[in-house]
């Protein structure tokens, strides 16, 4: 569809402008990119699914996913570096690491999805109004 001369692009809501321009908005977008990149791996998504039920030791995650301990360690390091999981040492054995989910990265992702959905809803409503206007 061709835009008319001098036409301005569709307005973007204030929440969208804030996340697009400011330094904190850019940092949030980078965190969202990192979360999406990490979750692109099916093993990491499965680990996140398991951790959504309860905190788990790394060995239990590896066994549940059917991966080696070194592979699980690499997946957990990736998830920890982006802030999606945190690790703690429980009990008497400091070698046993228990992992749990951190809510903020998923909250950032959820907000981005909600903002994107709102943007598309506005765009589709504007398209519908335009088509209905042309029918008259």
C-alpha atoms as a PDB file:
ATOM      1  CA  UNK A   1       0.000   0.000   0.000  1.00  0.00           C
ATOM      2  CA  UNK A   2       1.475   3.354  -1.050  1.00  0.00           C
ATOM      3  CA  UNK A   3       1.528   6.245   1.418  1.00  0.00           C
ATOM      4  CA  UNK A   4       0.218   9.604   0.311  1.00  0.00           C
ATOM      5  CA  UNK A   5       2.731  12.413  -0.101  1.00  0.00           C
ATOM      6  CA  UNK A   6       3.352  14.225   3.117  1.00  0.00           C
ATOM      7  CA  UNK A   7       1.598  11.518   5.124  1.00  0.00           C
ATOM      8  CA  UNK A   8       3.044  10.885   8.545  1.00  0.00           C
ATOM      9  CA  UNK A   9       3.713   7.384   9.816  1.00  0.00           C
ATOM     10  CA  UNK A  10       1.220   5.986  12.298  1.00  0.00           C
ATOM     11  CA  UNK A  11       1.510   7.423  15.766  1.00  0.00           C
ATOM     12  CA  UNK A  12       3.317   5.352  18.321  1.00  0.00           C
ATOM     13  CA  UNK A  13       2.162   5.330  21.922  1.00  0.00           C
ATOM     14  CA  UNK A  14       4.227   7.020  24.655  1.00  0.00           C
ATOM     15  CA  UNK A  15       5.263   3.714  26.195  1.00  0.00           C
ATOM     16  CA  UNK A  16       6.687   2.636  22.844  1.00  0.00           C
ATOM     17  CA  UNK A  17       8.537   5.925  22.378  1.00  0.00           C
ATOM     18  CA  UNK A  18      10.095   5.633  25.824  1.00  0.00           C
ATOM     19  CA  UNK A  19      11.506   2.148  25.208  1.00  0.00           C
ATOM     20  CA  UNK A  20      12.751   3.077  21.743  1.00  0.00           C
ATOM     21  CA  UNK A  21      14.736   6.223  22.504  1.00  0.00           C
ATOM     22  CA  UNK A  22      16.132   6.340  26.010  1.00  0.00           C
ATOM     23  CA  UNK A  23      19.265   4.616  27.250  1.00  0.00           C
ATOM     24  CA  UNK A  24      17.194   2.503  29.644  1.00  0.00           C
ATOM     25  CA  UNK A  25      14.836   1.641  26.775  1.00  0.00           C
ATOM     26  CA  UNK A  26      17.768   0.441  24.667  1.00  0.00           C
ATOM     27  CA  UNK A  27      19.068  -1.609  27.600  1.00  0.00           C
ATOM     28  CA  UNK A  28      15.629  -3.200  28.028  1.00  0.00           C
ATOM     29  CA  UNK A  29      15.502  -4.043  24.315  1.00  0.00           C
ATOM     30  CA  UNK A  30      18.954  -5.618  24.552  1.00  0.00           C
ATOM     31  CA  UNK A  31      17.822  -7.713  27.533  1.00  0.00           C
ATOM     32  CA  UNK A  32      14.728  -8.824  25.607  1.00  0.00           C
ATOM     33  CA  UNK A  33      16.921  -9.742  22.622  1.00  0.00           C
ATOM     34  CA  UNK A  34      19.159 -11.799  24.929  1.00  0.00           C
ATOM     35  CA  UNK A  35      16.177 -13.584  26.502  1.00  0.00           C
ATOM     36  CA  UNK A  36      14.700 -14.411  23.096  1.00  0.00           C
ATOM     37  CA  UNK A  37      18.077 -15.650  21.832  1.00  0.00           C
ATOM     38  CA  UNK A  38      18.525 -17.865  24.891  1.00  0.00           C
ATOM     39  CA  UNK A  39      14.994 -19.241  24.635  1.00  0.00           C
ATOM     40  CA  UNK A  40      15.513 -20.074  20.952  1.00  0.00           C
ATOM     41  CA  UNK A  41      17.256 -23.229  22.149  1.00  0.00           C
ATOM     42  CA  UNK A  42      14.730 -26.016  22.869  1.00  0.00           C
ATOM     43  CA  UNK A  43      16.791 -27.483  25.725  1.00  0.00           C
ATOM     44  CA  UNK A  44      16.871 -24.114  27.485  1.00  0.00           C
ATOM     45  CA  UNK A  45      13.116 -23.690  27.014  1.00  0.00           C
ATOM     46  CA  UNK A  46      12.575 -27.119  28.545  1.00  0.00           C
ATOM     47  CA  UNK A  47      14.849 -26.188  31.458  1.00  0.00           C
ATOM     48  CA  UNK A  48      12.847 -22.984  32.002  1.00  0.00           C
ATOM     49  CA  UNK A  49       9.622 -25.024  31.920  1.00  0.00           C
ATOM     50  CA  UNK A  50      10.986 -27.348  34.600  1.00  0.00           C
ATOM     51  CA  UNK A  51      12.209 -24.428  36.706  1.00  0.00           C
ATOM     52  CA  UNK A  52       8.784 -22.800  36.480  1.00  0.00           C
ATOM     53  CA  UNK A  53       7.493 -25.691  38.619  1.00  0.00           C
ATOM     54  CA  UNK A  54      10.124 -25.331  41.365  1.00  0.00           C
ATOM     55  CA  UNK A  55      13.856 -24.712  41.922  1.00  0.00           C
ATOM     56  CA  UNK A  56      15.984 -27.683  40.895  1.00  0.00           C
ATOM     57  CA  UNK A  57      19.583 -28.838  41.203  1.00  0.00           C
ATOM     58  CA  UNK A  58      21.633 -28.769  38.000  1.00  0.00           C
ATOM     59  CA  UNK A  59      22.031 -32.564  38.049  1.00  0.00           C
ATOM     60  CA  UNK A  60      18.283 -33.085  38.230  1.00  0.00           C
ATOM     61  CA  UNK A  61      17.760 -30.728  35.284  1.00  0.00           C
ATOM     62  CA  UNK A  62      20.398 -32.576  33.244  1.00  0.00           C
ATOM     63  CA  UNK A  63      18.812 -35.944  34.021  1.00  0.00           C
ATOM     64  CA  UNK A  64      15.292 -34.707  33.236  1.00  0.00           C
ATOM     65  CA  UNK A  65      16.404 -33.240  29.919  1.00  0.00           C
ATOM     66  CA  UNK A  66      18.622 -36.153  28.990  1.00  0.00           C
ATOM     67  CA  UNK A  67      21.741 -34.034  28.503  1.00  0.00           C
ATOM     68  CA  UNK A  68      25.236 -34.365  29.905  1.00  0.00           C
ATOM     69  CA  UNK A  69      26.303 -32.378  32.962  1.00  0.00           C
ATOM     70  CA  UNK A  70      28.712 -30.204  30.904  1.00  0.00           C
ATOM     71  CA  UNK A  71      25.979 -29.426  28.345  1.00  0.00           C
ATOM     72  CA  UNK A  72      23.527 -28.541  31.134  1.00  0.00           C
ATOM     73  CA  UNK A  73      26.187 -26.358  32.739  1.00  0.00           C
ATOM     74  CA  UNK A  74      26.600 -24.398  29.491  1.00  0.00           C
ATOM     75  CA  UNK A  75      22.823 -23.953  29.146  1.00  0.00           C
ATOM     76  CA  UNK A  76      22.500 -22.799  32.756  1.00  0.00           C
ATOM     77  CA  UNK A  77      25.439 -20.403  32.382  1.00  0.00           C
ATOM     78  CA  UNK A  78      23.695 -18.813  29.384  1.00  0.00           C
ATOM     79  CA  UNK A  79      20.433 -18.478  31.324  1.00  0.00           C
ATOM     80  CA  UNK A  80      22.276 -17.109  34.365  1.00  0.00           C
ATOM     81  CA  UNK A  81      24.258 -14.543  32.327  1.00  0.00           C
ATOM     82  CA  UNK A  82      21.073 -13.022  30.921  1.00  0.00           C
ATOM     83  CA  UNK A  83      19.496 -12.999  34.381  1.00  0.00           C
ATOM     84  CA  UNK A  84      16.762 -15.516  33.670  1.00  0.00           C
ATOM     85  CA  UNK A  85      17.905 -17.896  36.420  1.00  0.00           C
ATOM     86  CA  UNK A  86      19.826 -17.550  39.638  1.00  0.00           C
ATOM     87  CA  UNK A  87      21.914 -20.124  41.407  1.00  0.00           C
ATOM     88  CA  UNK A  88      22.390 -20.850  45.065  1.00  0.00           C
ATOM     89  CA  UNK A  89      24.206 -23.485  47.058  1.00  0.00           C
ATOM     90  CA  UNK A  90      21.992 -25.425  49.439  1.00  0.00           C
ATOM     91  CA  UNK A  91      22.778 -27.819  52.203  1.00  0.00           C
ATOM     92  CA  UNK A  92      26.102 -29.182  53.271  1.00  0.00           C
ATOM     93  CA  UNK A  93      27.576 -29.802  49.816  1.00  0.00           C
ATOM     94  CA  UNK A  94      28.690 -26.533  48.181  1.00  0.00           C
ATOM     95  CA  UNK A  95      29.152 -28.384  44.879  1.00  0.00           C
ATOM     96  CA  UNK A  96      25.393 -28.807  44.468  1.00  0.00           C
ATOM     97  CA  UNK A  97      23.906 -25.788  42.756  1.00  0.00           C
ATOM     98  CA  UNK A  98      20.180 -25.186  42.853  1.00  0.00           C
ATOM     99  CA  UNK A  99      18.677 -23.035  40.108  1.00  0.00           C
ATOM    100  CA  UNK A 100      15.491 -20.999  40.178  1.00  0.00           C
ATOM    101  CA  UNK A 101      13.803 -18.581  37.789  1.00  0.00           C
ATOM    102  CA  UNK A 102      14.028 -14.824  38.173  1.00  0.00           C
ATOM    103  CA  UNK A 103      10.809 -13.057  37.156  1.00  0.00           C
ATOM    104  CA  UNK A 104      12.100  -9.750  35.748  1.00  0.00           C
ATOM    105  CA  UNK A 105      13.397 -10.898  32.332  1.00  0.00           C
ATOM    106  CA  UNK A 106      10.091 -12.607  31.574  1.00  0.00           C
ATOM    107  CA  UNK A 107       8.177  -9.562  32.837  1.00  0.00           C
ATOM    108  CA  UNK A 108      10.192  -7.378  30.426  1.00  0.00           C
ATOM    109  CA  UNK A 109       9.419  -9.798  27.593  1.00  0.00           C
ATOM    110  CA  UNK A 110       5.722  -9.874  28.513  1.00  0.00           C
ATOM    111  CA  UNK A 111       5.549  -6.058  28.518  1.00  0.00           C
ATOM    112  CA  UNK A 112       7.230  -5.910  25.115  1.00  0.00           C
ATOM    113  CA  UNK A 113       4.741  -8.442  23.740  1.00  0.00           C
ATOM    114  CA  UNK A 114       1.814  -6.468  25.178  1.00  0.00           C
ATOM    115  CA  UNK A 115       3.157  -3.223  23.665  1.00  0.00           C
ATOM    116  CA  UNK A 116       3.671  -4.935  20.313  1.00  0.00           C
ATOM    117  CA  UNK A 117       0.177  -6.414  20.395  1.00  0.00           C
ATOM    118  CA  UNK A 118      -1.287  -2.976  21.185  1.00  0.00           C
ATOM    119  CA  UNK A 119       0.645  -1.439  18.292  1.00  0.00           C
ATOM    120  CA  UNK A 120      -0.641  -4.073  15.861  1.00  0.00           C
ATOM    121  CA  UNK A 121      -4.187  -3.715  17.174  1.00  0.00           C
ATOM    122  CA  UNK A 122      -4.076   0.038  16.544  1.00  0.00           C
ATOM    123  CA  UNK A 123      -2.639  -0.520  13.070  1.00  0.00           C
ATOM    124  CA  UNK A 124      -5.299  -3.081  12.165  1.00  0.00           C
ATOM    125  CA  UNK A 125      -8.094  -0.849  13.474  1.00  0.00           C
ATOM    126  CA  UNK A 126      -6.747   2.015  11.388  1.00  0.00           C
ATOM    127  CA  UNK A 127      -6.636  -0.249   8.319  1.00  0.00           C
ATOM    128  CA  UNK A 128     -10.201  -1.413   8.968  1.00  0.00           C
ATOM    129  CA  UNK A 129     -11.396   2.192   9.281  1.00  0.00           C
ATOM    130  CA  UNK A 130      -9.605   3.106   6.058  1.00  0.00           C
ATOM    131  CA  UNK A 131     -11.165   0.206   4.150  1.00  0.00           C
ATOM    132  CA  UNK A 132     -14.638   0.954   5.499  1.00  0.00           C
ATOM    133  CA  UNK A 133     -14.238   4.629   4.557  1.00  0.00           C
ATOM    134  CA  UNK A 134     -13.271   3.707   0.991  1.00  0.00           C
ATOM    135  CA  UNK A 135     -16.341   1.421   0.670  1.00  0.00           C
ATOM    136  CA  UNK A 136     -18.715   4.350   1.216  1.00  0.00           C
END
